[in-house]
C-alpha atoms as a PDB file:
ATOM      1  CA  MET A   1       0.188   0.092   0.229  1.00  0.00           C
ATOM      2  CA  ILE A   2       1.747   3.076  -0.885  1.00  0.00           C
ATOM      3  CA  PRO A   3       0.511   5.626   2.097  1.00  0.00           C
ATOM      4  CA  THR A   4      -0.942   8.750   0.430  1.00  0.00           C
ATOM      5  CA  GLN A   5      -0.101  12.549   1.510  1.00  0.00           C
ATOM      6  CA  GLU A   6      -2.193  12.767   4.193  1.00  0.00           C
ATOM      7  CA  GLN A   7       0.567   9.877   6.137  1.00  0.00           C
ATOM      8  CA  ASP A   8       3.714  10.973   4.284  1.00  0.00           C
ATOM      9  CA  LYS A   9       2.717  14.045   6.311  1.00  0.00           C
ATOM     10  CA  LYS A  10       2.149  12.903  10.187  1.00  0.00           C
ATOM     11  CA  ASN A  11       4.709  10.077   9.754  1.00  0.00           C
ATOM     12  CA  ALA A  12       7.005  13.065   9.330  1.00  0.00           C
ATOM     13  CA  ARG A  13       5.516  15.055  11.932  1.00  0.00           C
ATOM     14  CA  ARG A  14       6.352  11.976  13.895  1.00  0.00           C
ATOM     15  CA  LEU A  15       9.251  11.588  13.218  1.00  0.00           C
ATOM     16  CA  GLN A  16      10.630  15.125  13.936  1.00  0.00           C
ATOM     17  CA  ASN A  17       8.527  15.795  17.381  1.00  0.00           C
ATOM     18  CA  ILE A  18      10.940  11.729  18.333  1.00  0.00           C
ATOM     19  CA  ARG A  19      13.501  14.110  17.489  1.00  0.00           C
ATOM     20  CA  ASN A  20      12.888  17.032  19.387  1.00  0.00           C
ATOM     21  CA  GLN A  21      11.575  15.243  21.840  1.00  0.00           C
ATOM     22  CA  ARG A  22      15.521  12.486  21.962  1.00  0.00           C
ATOM     23  CA  ASN A  23      17.470  16.341  21.534  1.00  0.00           C
ATOM     24  CA  GLY A  24      15.827  17.781  24.844  1.00  0.00           C
ATOM     25  CA  SER A  25      16.086  14.997  26.248  1.00  0.00           C
ATOM     26  CA  ASP A  26      19.882  15.530  25.301  1.00  0.00           C
ATOM     27  CA  GLY A  27      19.348  18.860  26.844  1.00  0.00           C
ATOM     28  CA  GLU A  28      18.370  18.254  29.830  1.00  0.00           C
ATOM     29  CA  LEU A  29      20.531  15.637  30.501  1.00  0.00           C
ATOM     30  CA  ILE A  30      23.536  17.938  30.238  1.00  0.00           C
ATOM     31  CA  ALA A  31      21.698  20.524  31.994  1.00  0.00           C
ATOM     32  CA  HIS A  32      21.584  17.953  35.395  1.00  0.00           C
ATOM     33  CA  ARG A  33      24.900  17.407  35.720  1.00  0.00           C
ATOM     34  CA  ALA A  34      25.916  21.125  35.162  1.00  0.00           C
ATOM     35  CA  LEU A  35      23.798  21.166  37.803  1.00  0.00           C
ATOM     36  CA  HIS A  36      25.329  19.204  39.503  1.00  0.00           C
ATOM     37  CA  ASN A  37      28.677  20.808  39.372  1.00  0.00           C
ATOM     38  CA  LEU A  38      27.432  23.657  40.790  1.00  0.00           C
ATOM     39  CA  GLY A  39      26.255  22.352  44.114  1.00  0.00           C
ATOM     40  CA  TYR A  40      22.762  22.381  43.255  1.00  0.00           C
ATOM     41  CA  HIS A  41      21.634  18.137  44.701  1.00  0.00           C
ATOM     42  CA  PHE A  42      18.139  16.332  44.739  1.00  0.00           C
ATOM     43  CA  ILE A  43      18.223  16.297  41.064  1.00  0.00           C
ATOM     44  CA  ASN A  44      15.001  16.300  38.789  1.00  0.00           C
ATOM     45  CA  LYS A  45      12.686  15.550  35.555  1.00  0.00           C
ATOM     46  CA  ILE A  46       9.095  17.369  35.748  1.00  0.00           C
ATOM     47  CA  ASN A  47       7.414  14.829  34.016  1.00  0.00           C
ATOM     48  CA  THR A  48       4.710  15.753  31.678  1.00  0.00           C
ATOM     49  CA  PRO A  49       1.134  13.844  32.148  1.00  0.00           C
ATOM     50  CA  TRP A  50      -0.122  11.610  29.626  1.00  0.00           C
ATOM     51  CA  LEU A  51      -3.475  10.719  29.486  1.00  0.00           C
ATOM     52  CA  ILE A  52      -3.823   7.115  28.365  1.00  0.00           C
ATOM     53  CA  THR A  53      -6.552   5.434  26.482  1.00  0.00           C
ATOM     54  CA  ARG A  54      -7.345   2.154  26.980  1.00  0.00           C
ATOM     55  CA  SER A  55     -10.177  -0.142  25.615  1.00  0.00           C
ATOM     56  CA  ARG A  56     -12.500  -2.315  27.221  1.00  0.00           C
ATOM     57  CA  THR A  57      -9.873  -4.670  27.252  1.00  0.00           C
ATOM     58  CA  GLY A  58      -7.438  -2.495  29.063  1.00  0.00           C
ATOM     59  CA  LYS A  59      -4.759  -2.650  25.309  1.00  0.00           C
ATOM     60  CA  VAL A  60      -3.700   0.527  24.953  1.00  0.00           C
ATOM     61  CA  LEU A  61      -5.110   2.178  22.133  1.00  0.00           C
ATOM     62  CA  GLY A  62      -2.997   5.292  22.428  1.00  0.00           C
ATOM     63  CA  ALA A  63      -2.168   8.215  24.613  1.00  0.00           C
ATOM     64  CA  LYS A  64      -1.254  12.254  24.480  1.00  0.00           C
ATOM     65  CA  ALA A  65      -0.090  14.955  26.983  1.00  0.00           C
ATOM     66  CA  CYS A  66      -2.643  16.370  28.865  1.00  0.00           C
ATOM     67  CA  GLY A  67      -1.090  18.812  30.224  1.00  0.00           C
ATOM     68  CA  THR A  68       1.677  21.038  31.224  1.00  0.00           C
ATOM     69  CA  VAL A  69       4.614  21.517  34.032  1.00  0.00           C
ATOM     70  CA  THR A  70       6.144  23.822  35.122  1.00  0.00           C
ATOM     71  CA  GLY A  71       9.504  23.941  34.117  1.00  0.00           C
ATOM     72  CA  ASP A  72      12.061  20.619  33.227  1.00  0.00           C
ATOM     73  CA  LEU A  73      13.717  20.319  36.660  1.00  0.00           C
ATOM     74  CA  ARG A  74      13.788  20.909  39.518  1.00  0.00           C
ATOM     75  CA  ALA A  75      15.901  20.633  42.626  1.00  0.00           C
ATOM     76  CA  VAL A  76      17.381  22.299  45.562  1.00  0.00           C
ATOM     77  CA  ALA A  77      20.167  24.283  46.372  1.00  0.00           C
ATOM     78  CA  PRO A  78      22.700  24.823  49.289  1.00  0.00           C
ATOM     79  CA  GLY A  79      21.221  26.122  51.504  1.00  0.00           C
ATOM     80  CA  GLY A  80      17.474  24.562  50.109  1.00  0.00           C
ATOM     81  CA  ILE A  81      15.946  26.933  48.593  1.00  0.00           C
ATOM     82  CA  SER A  82      14.259  25.427  45.894  1.00  0.00           C
ATOM     83  CA  VAL A  83      15.206  25.438  42.104  1.00  0.00           C
ATOM     84  CA  LEU A  84      13.364  25.534  38.936  1.00  0.00           C
ATOM     85  CA  ALA A  85      15.238  25.439  35.523  1.00  0.00           C
ATOM     86  CA  GLU A  86      14.126  25.734  32.501  1.00  0.00           C
ATOM     87  CA  VAL A  87      16.080  23.809  29.811  1.00  0.00           C
ATOM     88  CA  LYS A  88      16.838  25.180  26.323  1.00  0.00           C
ATOM     89  CA  ARG A  89      18.671  23.238  23.257  1.00  0.00           C
ATOM     90  CA  HIS A  90      19.588  25.380  19.921  1.00  0.00           C
ATOM     91  CA  ASN A  91      22.554  25.951  18.250  1.00  0.00           C
ATOM     92  CA  GLY A  92      22.091  29.013  16.460  1.00  0.00           C
ATOM     93  CA  PRO A  93      23.305  32.253  17.365  1.00  0.00           C
ATOM     94  CA  ARG A  94      19.594  34.075  19.362  1.00  0.00           C
ATOM     95  CA  LEU A  95      17.204  32.723  21.657  1.00  0.00           C
ATOM     96  CA  THR A  96      14.585  33.752  21.896  1.00  0.00           C
ATOM     97  CA  TYR A  97      11.760  35.095  23.407  1.00  0.00           C
ATOM     98  CA  SER A  98       9.025  33.088  22.098  1.00  0.00           C
ATOM     99  CA  THR A  99      11.311  29.977  22.407  1.00  0.00           C
ATOM    100  CA  LEU A 100      10.070  29.565  26.106  1.00  0.00           C
ATOM    101  CA  GLU A 101       5.687  29.243  25.681  1.00  0.00           C
ATOM    102  CA  ALA A 102       3.988  32.013  28.196  1.00  0.00           C
ATOM    103  CA  HIS A 103       3.267  29.778  30.516  1.00  0.00           C
ATOM    104  CA  GLN A 104       6.877  28.387  30.585  1.00  0.00           C
ATOM    105  CA  HIS A 105       7.678  33.047  31.187  1.00  0.00           C
ATOM    106  CA  GLU A 106       3.864  32.453  33.722  1.00  0.00           C
ATOM    107  CA  ASP A 107       6.378  30.356  36.021  1.00  0.00           C
ATOM    108  CA  LEU A 108       9.754  30.786  36.290  1.00  0.00           C
ATOM    109  CA  ALA A 109       8.670  34.392  37.722  1.00  0.00           C
ATOM    110  CA  ALA A 110       6.066  33.145  40.056  1.00  0.00           C
ATOM    111  CA  HIS A 111       8.621  30.644  41.181  1.00  0.00           C
ATOM    112  CA  ASN A 112      10.911  33.439  41.722  1.00  0.00           C
ATOM    113  CA  ALA A 113       8.270  35.153  43.290  1.00  0.00           C
ATOM    114  CA  VAL A 114       8.453  33.815  46.052  1.00  0.00           C
ATOM    115  CA  GLU A 115      12.412  33.451  47.094  1.00  0.00           C
ATOM    116  CA  GLY A 116      12.492  30.197  44.687  1.00  0.00           C
ATOM    117  CA  ILE A 117      16.056  30.327  42.259  1.00  0.00           C
ATOM    118  CA  SER A 118      14.845  30.528  38.962  1.00  0.00           C
ATOM    119  CA  LEU A 119      17.234  29.294  35.749  1.00  0.00           C
ATOM    120  CA  LEU A 120      17.095  28.904  32.056  1.00  0.00           C
ATOM    121  CA  ILE A 121      19.512  26.784  30.681  1.00  0.00           C
ATOM    122  CA  TRP A 122      20.987  27.942  26.586  1.00  0.00           C
ATOM    123  CA  ILE A 123      22.941  24.526  25.868  1.00  0.00           C
ATOM    124  CA  HIS A 124      24.801  26.107  22.450  1.00  0.00           C
ATOM    125  CA  GLU A 125      26.792  23.003  21.100  1.00  0.00           C
ATOM    126  CA  ARG A 126      27.573  20.498  24.318  1.00  0.00           C
ATOM    127  CA  GLU A 127      28.092  23.706  26.210  1.00  0.00           C
ATOM    128  CA  ALA A 128      25.393  24.392  28.946  1.00  0.00           C
ATOM    129  CA  TYR A 129      24.465  28.207  30.199  1.00  0.00           C
ATOM    130  CA  ILE A 130      23.443  28.968  32.846  1.00  0.00           C
ATOM    131  CA  LEU A 131      21.846  32.386  33.455  1.00  0.00           C
ATOM    132  CA  ARG A 132      19.295  32.977  36.108  1.00  0.00           C
ATOM    133  CA  TYR A 133      15.311  34.816  35.683  1.00  0.00           C
ATOM    134  CA  PRO A 134      14.321  36.968  34.682  1.00  0.00           C
ATOM    135  CA  ILE A 135      16.679  38.256  32.782  1.00  0.00           C
ATOM    136  CA  ALA A 136      17.739  41.598  32.275  1.00  0.00           C
ATOM    137  CA  GLY A 137      16.378  43.111  28.530  1.00  0.00           C
ATOM    138  CA  PHE A 138      14.713  39.144  27.804  1.00  0.00           C
ATOM    139  CA  VAL A 139      10.823  40.579  27.662  1.00  0.00           C
ATOM    140  CA  PRO A 140       8.563  40.105  24.079  1.00  0.00           C
ATOM    141  CA  ARG A 141      10.284  40.200  20.765  1.00  0.00           C
ATOM    142  CA  SER A 142      13.579  40.356  21.714  1.00  0.00           C
ATOM    143  CA  SER A 143      16.712  37.879  22.112  1.00  0.00           C
ATOM    144  CA  LEU A 144      19.328  36.658  23.878  1.00  0.00           C
ATOM    145  CA  LYS A 145      22.691  36.591  21.812  1.00  0.00           C
ATOM    146  CA  ILE A 146      25.331  33.658  22.505  1.00  0.00           C
ATOM    147  CA  ASP A 147      28.157  35.808  22.005  1.00  0.00           C
ATOM    148  CA  ASP A 148      25.938  37.909  25.338  1.00  0.00           C
ATOM    149  CA  VAL A 149      25.503  34.794  27.430  1.00  0.00           C
ATOM    150  CA  ARG A 150      28.736  33.984  26.596  1.00  0.00           C
ATOM    151  CA  LYS A 151      29.617  36.960  29.267  1.00  0.00           C
ATOM    152  CA  LEU A 152      26.665  36.422  32.122  1.00  0.00           C
ATOM    153  CA  ALA A 153      25.809  33.623  32.299  1.00  0.00           C
ATOM    154  CA  LEU A 154      27.449  30.473  34.387  1.00  0.00           C
ATOM    155  CA  LYS A 155      29.662  28.099  31.459  1.00  0.00           C
ATOM    156  CA  GLN A 156      29.688  24.222  32.066  1.00  0.00           C
ATOM    157  CA  SER A 157      31.930  22.663  29.645  1.00  0.00           C
ATOM    158  CA  LEU A 158      30.154  18.837  29.329  1.00  0.00           C
END
């Protein structure tokens, strides 16, 4: 059977989603190591909630993400302070504000408001650049330039 154009598009989207997830998982592993190297403890990935659809016999028919999470990683900083980190893996010269979804900006800001440490961790070419959130000048329609971030961030080479 020859796949239709719609099936080809669906398969291409599925493969892209798998690549994106693998890329994100690699970035989270690099970020985890970077936080550990800085002395953070109890570093845990925040998992996305999933809705599992089953048949009457209990066979899994499908699954879909059914919610958002506050960030990618949680940790405890020296002194017992809560840490929330959002990890973005991007090898281009700029990381745009819109790369983070609105709820990610909101969650990082809310965590910071209750005196937690909120971090944006930019994984760029296997380097982890750790930025304290909020970031001065990082507002809608703006971007962070990798050359500037290299000067500002805590860099962890892995």
